[in-house]
N, C-alpha and C. Protein backbone atom coordinates (compact mmCIF):
# COMPACT_ATOMS: atom_id res chain seq x y z
N UNK A 1 44.55 3.13 4.23
CA UNK A 1 43.61 3.85 3.99
C UNK A 1 42.54 3.34 2.83
N UNK A 2 43.10 2.73 1.66
CA UNK A 2 42.54 2.51 0.53
C UNK A 2 41.33 1.09 0.94
N UNK A 3 41.91 0.52 1.80
CA UNK A 3 41.06 -0.88 2.25
C UNK A 3 40.05 -0.22 3.21
N UNK A 4 40.08 0.65 3.82
CA UNK A 4 39.01 1.33 4.58
C UNK A 4 38.04 2.11 3.73
N UNK A 5 38.52 2.68 2.63
CA UNK A 5 37.44 3.23 1.91
C UNK A 5 36.60 2.35 1.25
N UNK A 6 37.47 1.39 0.40
CA UNK A 6 36.74 0.05 -0.28
C UNK A 6 35.75 -0.42 0.86
N UNK A 7 36.17 -0.78 2.01
CA UNK A 7 35.38 -1.64 2.94
C UNK A 7 34.05 -0.73 3.26
N UNK A 8 34.19 0.83 3.17
CA UNK A 8 32.93 1.60 3.69
C UNK A 8 32.01 1.58 2.51
N UNK A 9 32.74 1.69 1.04
CA UNK A 9 31.83 1.78 -0.20
C UNK A 9 31.18 0.39 -0.16
N UNK A 10 31.62 -0.85 0.44
CA UNK A 10 30.90 -1.84 0.51
C UNK A 10 29.40 -2.08 1.62
N UNK A 11 30.07 -1.41 2.57
CA UNK A 11 28.93 -1.15 3.65
C UNK A 11 27.67 -0.44 2.93
N UNK A 12 28.28 0.75 2.31
CA UNK A 12 27.20 1.81 1.91
C UNK A 12 26.16 1.14 0.67
N UNK A 13 27.06 0.18 -0.18
CA UNK A 13 26.40 -0.65 -1.33
C UNK A 13 25.27 -1.44 -0.50
N UNK A 14 25.49 -1.96 0.52
CA UNK A 14 24.90 -3.07 1.23
C UNK A 14 23.55 -2.39 1.72
N UNK A 15 23.79 -1.37 2.25
CA UNK A 15 22.91 -0.15 2.74
C UNK A 15 21.62 0.13 1.92
N UNK A 16 22.45 0.31 0.73
CA UNK A 16 21.66 0.69 -0.70
C UNK A 16 20.54 -0.20 -1.04
N UNK A 17 21.15 -1.38 -1.11
CA UNK A 17 20.28 -2.63 -1.69
C UNK A 17 19.30 -2.84 -0.59
N UNK A 18 19.76 -2.97 0.59
CA UNK A 18 18.55 -3.08 1.53
C UNK A 18 17.46 -1.85 1.40
N UNK A 19 17.87 -0.94 1.37
CA UNK A 19 16.93 0.16 1.24
C UNK A 19 16.02 -0.15 0.05
N UNK A 20 16.77 -0.31 -1.24
CA UNK A 20 15.73 -0.54 -2.13
C UNK A 20 14.99 -1.35 -2.14
N UNK A 21 15.22 -2.83 -1.63
CA UNK A 21 14.65 -3.87 -1.27
C UNK A 21 13.28 -3.32 -0.42
N UNK A 22 13.66 -2.58 0.51
CA UNK A 22 12.25 -2.20 1.53
C UNK A 22 11.56 -1.24 0.93
N UNK A 23 12.12 -0.48 -0.21
CA UNK A 23 11.07 0.74 -0.91
C UNK A 23 10.31 -0.09 -1.87
N UNK A 24 10.62 -1.39 -2.49
CA UNK A 24 9.95 -2.31 -3.12
C UNK A 24 8.80 -2.74 -2.50
N UNK A 25 9.34 -3.37 -1.31
CA UNK A 25 8.34 -4.26 -0.43
C UNK A 25 7.14 -2.90 -0.19
N UNK A 26 7.60 -1.90 0.34
CA UNK A 26 6.47 -1.00 0.78
C UNK A 26 5.77 -0.51 -0.60
N UNK A 27 6.41 -0.30 -1.67
CA UNK A 27 5.33 0.30 -2.89
C UNK A 27 4.31 -1.13 -3.16
N UNK A 28 4.69 -2.30 -2.96
CA UNK A 28 3.66 -3.30 -2.96
C UNK A 28 2.61 -3.23 -2.00
N UNK A 29 2.86 -3.17 -0.94
CA UNK A 29 2.17 -3.07 0.30
C UNK A 29 1.24 -1.81 -0.02
N UNK A 30 1.68 -0.97 -0.27
CA UNK A 30 0.86 0.57 -0.56
C UNK A 30 -0.41 0.43 -2.05
N UNK A 31 0.26 -0.51 -2.87
CA UNK A 31 -0.61 -0.84 -3.92
C UNK A 31 -1.67 -1.79 -3.57
N UNK A 32 -1.33 -2.85 -3.07
CA UNK A 32 -2.17 -3.75 -2.21
C UNK A 32 -3.31 -3.12 -1.54
N UNK A 33 -2.85 -2.09 -0.47
CA UNK A 33 -3.84 -1.39 0.34
C UNK A 33 -4.73 -0.41 -0.49
N UNK A 34 -4.00 0.17 -1.53
CA UNK A 34 -5.02 0.86 -1.99
C UNK A 34 -6.15 -0.06 -2.85
N UNK A 35 -5.67 -1.05 -3.31
CA UNK A 35 -6.73 -1.90 -3.88
C UNK A 35 -8.00 -2.24 -2.92
N UNK A 36 -7.23 -2.67 -1.70
CA UNK A 36 -8.30 -3.01 -0.72
C UNK A 36 -9.24 -1.84 -0.32
N UNK A 37 -8.82 -0.93 -0.21
CA UNK A 37 -9.62 0.45 0.11
C UNK A 37 -10.47 0.79 -0.86
N UNK A 38 -10.29 0.48 -2.12
CA UNK A 38 -10.87 0.86 -3.25
C UNK A 38 -12.23 -0.23 -2.97
N UNK A 39 -12.06 -1.62 -2.87
CA UNK A 39 -13.09 -2.66 -2.73
C UNK A 39 -13.94 -2.10 -1.46
N UNK A 40 -13.41 -1.98 -0.22
CA UNK A 40 -14.05 -1.58 0.80
C UNK A 40 -15.25 -0.48 0.51
N UNK A 41 -14.48 0.64 -0.44
CA UNK A 41 -15.57 1.67 -0.59
C UNK A 41 -16.79 1.15 -1.64
N UNK A 42 -16.47 0.39 -2.50
CA UNK A 42 -17.26 -0.12 -3.30
C UNK A 42 -18.66 -0.72 -2.24
N UNK A 43 -18.22 -1.48 -1.68
CA UNK A 43 -18.94 -2.37 -0.72
C UNK A 43 -19.69 -1.31 0.11
N UNK A 44 -19.19 -0.19 0.68
CA UNK A 44 -20.02 0.91 1.33
C UNK A 44 -20.86 1.37 0.72
N UNK A 45 -20.59 1.88 -0.49
CA UNK A 45 -21.53 2.44 -1.54
C UNK A 45 -22.59 1.41 -1.98
N UNK A 46 -22.36 0.07 -2.31
CA UNK A 46 -23.21 -0.78 -2.78
C UNK A 46 -24.33 -1.10 -1.56
N UNK A 47 -23.78 -1.20 -0.16
CA UNK A 47 -24.62 -1.32 0.86
C UNK A 47 -25.59 -0.02 1.08
N UNK A 48 -24.80 1.22 1.10
CA UNK A 48 -25.62 2.48 1.14
C UNK A 48 -26.75 2.69 0.29
N UNK A 49 -26.47 2.17 -0.91
CA UNK A 49 -27.68 2.14 -1.94
C UNK A 49 -28.58 1.27 -1.63
N UNK A 50 -28.32 0.04 -1.20
CA UNK A 50 -29.44 -0.82 -0.57
C UNK A 50 -30.37 -0.38 0.27
N UNK A 51 -29.84 0.38 1.53
CA UNK A 51 -30.44 0.83 2.51
C UNK A 51 -31.18 1.99 2.02
N UNK A 52 -30.90 2.69 1.05
CA UNK A 52 -31.60 3.64 0.31
C UNK A 52 -32.84 3.43 -0.34
N UNK A 53 -32.35 2.06 -1.10
CA UNK A 53 -33.62 1.85 -1.65
C UNK A 53 -34.84 0.91 -0.60
N UNK A 54 -34.32 0.50 0.12
CA UNK A 54 -35.21 -0.07 1.13
C UNK A 54 -35.99 1.07 2.09
N UNK A 55 -35.44 2.10 2.13
CA UNK A 55 -36.24 3.26 2.82
C UNK A 55 -37.18 3.89 2.01
N UNK A 56 -36.84 4.21 0.56
CA UNK A 56 -37.82 4.54 -0.48
C UNK A 56 -39.12 3.31 -0.38
N UNK A 57 -38.72 2.22 -0.65
CA UNK A 57 -39.75 1.14 -0.54
C UNK A 57 -40.55 1.06 0.50
N UNK A 58 -40.03 1.38 2.04
CA UNK A 58 -40.68 1.59 2.95
C UNK A 58 -41.71 2.58 2.96
N UNK A 59 -41.28 3.84 2.47
CA UNK A 59 -41.98 5.03 2.33
C UNK A 59 -43.31 4.75 1.27
N UNK A 60 -42.72 4.10 0.29
CA UNK A 60 -44.18 3.96 -0.67
C UNK A 60 -45.35 3.04 -0.34
């Protein structure tokens, strides 16, 4: 009985370590994705301002 319980404990510890590694990888991916989205947002804003500036120049 004791051996079975210890074996189960070891299995659960291995699953927990695997889950923690996965969580860390996902956190890193989320952080990188947030940075990428911020860069894309900035590029969109810059291009929209460029278009607006050209439209104002064309109207003048």
